Protein backbone atom coordinates (compact mmCIF):
# COMPACT_ATOMS: atom_id res chain seq x y z
CA MET A 1 -36.33 19.37 12.86
CA GLN A 2 -36.15 20.12 16.94
CA GLN A 3 -36.23 16.10 18.11
CA PRO A 4 -34.93 14.24 15.07
CA HIS A 5 -35.17 10.24 14.87
CA LEU A 6 -31.72 8.25 13.15
CA MET A 7 -33.51 7.69 9.47
CA GLY A 8 -37.10 8.80 10.23
CA MET A 9 -37.62 5.75 11.96
CA SER A 10 -39.61 5.42 15.84
CA SER A 11 -37.70 3.01 17.47
CA TYR A 12 -34.85 5.38 17.99
CA SER A 13 -35.16 7.05 20.49
CA TYR A 14 -33.91 11.43 20.41
CA GLU A 15 -31.76 10.92 22.85
CA GLU A 16 -30.31 7.65 21.20
CA THR A 17 -30.29 9.59 17.75
CA ARG A 18 -28.34 12.93 19.67
CA GLY A 19 -26.11 10.25 20.61
CA ILE A 20 -24.82 8.85 17.62
CA ILE A 21 -24.88 12.49 16.25
CA GLN A 22 -22.51 13.16 19.01
CA LYS A 23 -20.13 10.54 18.22
CA CYS A 24 -20.61 10.25 14.46
CA GLY A 25 -19.14 14.52 15.19
CA ILE A 26 -16.54 13.56 16.97
CA LEU A 27 -15.36 10.86 14.55
CA MET A 28 -15.86 14.00 11.37
CA ILE A 29 -13.80 16.56 14.35
CA VAL A 30 -10.79 13.77 13.88
CA CYS A 31 -10.65 13.09 10.49
CA ALA A 32 -11.41 16.60 10.05
CA GLY A 33 -8.43 17.32 12.24
CA PHE A 34 -6.43 14.77 9.66
CA VAL A 35 -7.07 16.56 6.76
CA VAL A 36 -5.69 19.33 7.70
CA LEU A 37 -2.99 18.20 10.07
CA PHE A 38 -2.14 16.35 6.40
CA PHE A 39 -2.44 19.11 4.26
CA LEU A 40 -0.12 21.67 6.08
CA CYS A 41 2.06 18.84 6.46
CA LYS A 42 2.47 18.81 2.97
CA LYS A 43 1.53 22.51 1.55
CA ALA A 44 2.97 24.57 4.39
CA PRO A 45 6.83 23.67 4.02
CA LEU A 46 6.05 24.90 0.42
CA TYR A 47 3.77 28.27 0.74
CA ILE A 48 6.53 29.33 3.62
CA GLU A 49 9.35 28.72 0.78
CA GLN A 50 7.18 30.49 -1.26
CA SER A 51 6.84 33.58 0.44
CA TRP A 52 9.76 33.89 2.42
CA GLY A 53 11.99 32.77 -0.78
CA LYS A 54 10.60 36.28 -2.55
CA ASP A 55 12.21 38.45 0.52
CA LYS A 56 15.19 36.41 0.89
CA GLU A 57 16.12 37.10 -2.86
CA LYS A 58 15.66 40.63 -2.35
CA GLU A 59 18.07 40.73 0.50
CA GLU A 60 20.68 39.12 -1.81
CA GLU A 61 20.55 41.31 -4.84
CA GLY A 62 22.14 43.68 -1.58
CA ASP A 63 24.11 41.17 0.63
CA GLU A 64 27.39 43.62 1.03
CA GLU A 65 25.08 46.43 2.32
CA THR A 66 23.21 43.85 4.62
CA LYS A 67 26.18 43.04 6.38
CA LYS A 68 26.89 46.84 6.73
CA ARG A 69 23.73 47.26 8.69
CA PRO A 70 23.57 47.85 12.67
CA LEU A 71 22.10 44.47 14.50
CA SER A 72 19.30 46.07 15.38
CA ILE A 73 17.84 47.02 11.86
CA ARG A 74 18.60 43.71 10.64
CA ILE A 75 16.51 41.80 13.25
CA PHE A 76 14.12 44.11 12.75
CA GLN A 77 14.21 43.05 9.22
CA PHE A 78 13.96 39.29 10.32
CA ILE A 79 10.49 40.13 12.17
CA THR A 80 9.14 42.34 9.71
CA ARG A 81 9.90 39.29 6.74
CA LEU A 82 8.15 36.82 9.08
CA ALA A 83 5.49 38.14 10.07
CA THR A 84 5.04 38.74 6.15
CA CYS A 85 5.71 35.19 5.72
CA ILE A 86 2.93 34.09 8.30
CA ILE A 87 0.26 36.34 6.92
CA LYS A 88 0.82 35.16 3.27
CA PHE A 89 0.29 31.80 4.73
CA PHE A 90 -2.41 31.91 6.78
CA PHE A 91 -4.17 34.49 3.96
CA ASN A 92 -3.74 32.11 1.30
CA ILE A 93 -7.06 30.54 -0.05
CA ASP A 94 -6.49 26.63 0.23
CA VAL A 95 -4.92 27.03 4.07
CA ILE A 96 -8.36 29.43 4.82
CA TYR A 97 -10.02 26.10 3.77
CA TYR A 98 -8.72 23.88 5.51
CA VAL A 99 -8.70 25.73 8.30
CA SER A 100 -12.29 26.43 8.47
CA TYR A 101 -12.96 22.93 7.76
CA ALA A 102 -11.60 21.46 11.34
CA VAL A 103 -13.55 24.72 12.61
CA ILE A 104 -16.55 23.91 11.12
CA ALA A 105 -16.34 20.30 12.29
CA ILE A 106 -16.12 21.16 15.70
CA LEU A 107 -19.22 23.83 14.98
CA GLY A 108 -20.70 21.29 14.05
CA ALA A 109 -20.69 18.26 16.41
CA THR A 110 -20.99 21.23 19.30
CA VAL A 111 -23.62 23.42 17.63
CA HIS A 112 -25.92 22.50 15.17
CA GLU A 113 -25.81 19.83 12.89
CA PHE A 114 -26.16 21.30 10.06
CA PHE A 115 -22.61 22.77 10.03
CA PHE A 116 -21.55 19.26 9.22
CA CYS A 117 -22.86 20.49 5.63
CA PHE A 118 -20.12 23.01 4.47
CA HIS A 119 -18.17 19.48 4.82
CA LEU A 120 -19.64 19.00 1.38
CA THR A 121 -17.74 21.73 -0.31
CA GLU A 122 -14.88 18.57 -0.50
CA LEU A 123 -16.55 17.49 -3.62
CA PHE A 124 -16.53 20.95 -5.58
CA PHE A 125 -12.62 21.96 -3.79
CA ARG A 126 -11.07 19.57 -5.47
């Protein structure tokens, strides 16, 4: 376990096996990065619109009242709405899963290869 050999073959040394695992790890980081990137490109606008739209509907109900408010209060409401939208986005279970997917790929390449086992959960997630 501490000094693996590729497929149990003694023809590969520990260093060669470690190098192959590192190259596969780097490839996994790139692939995981693409998975996260494509997921965010596809779903992020939908999640943001969903959380931003609910607040926008509330604002439109009192549109005349909103226009009368001072600029400082409107700026504060905008910042609050933006922070709420970001929090809702990052606490979405899909976003948490795919961000951890990329982070664990990095851990698998840098800390220990067993972290790559997390990527098998993709079979269950889909």
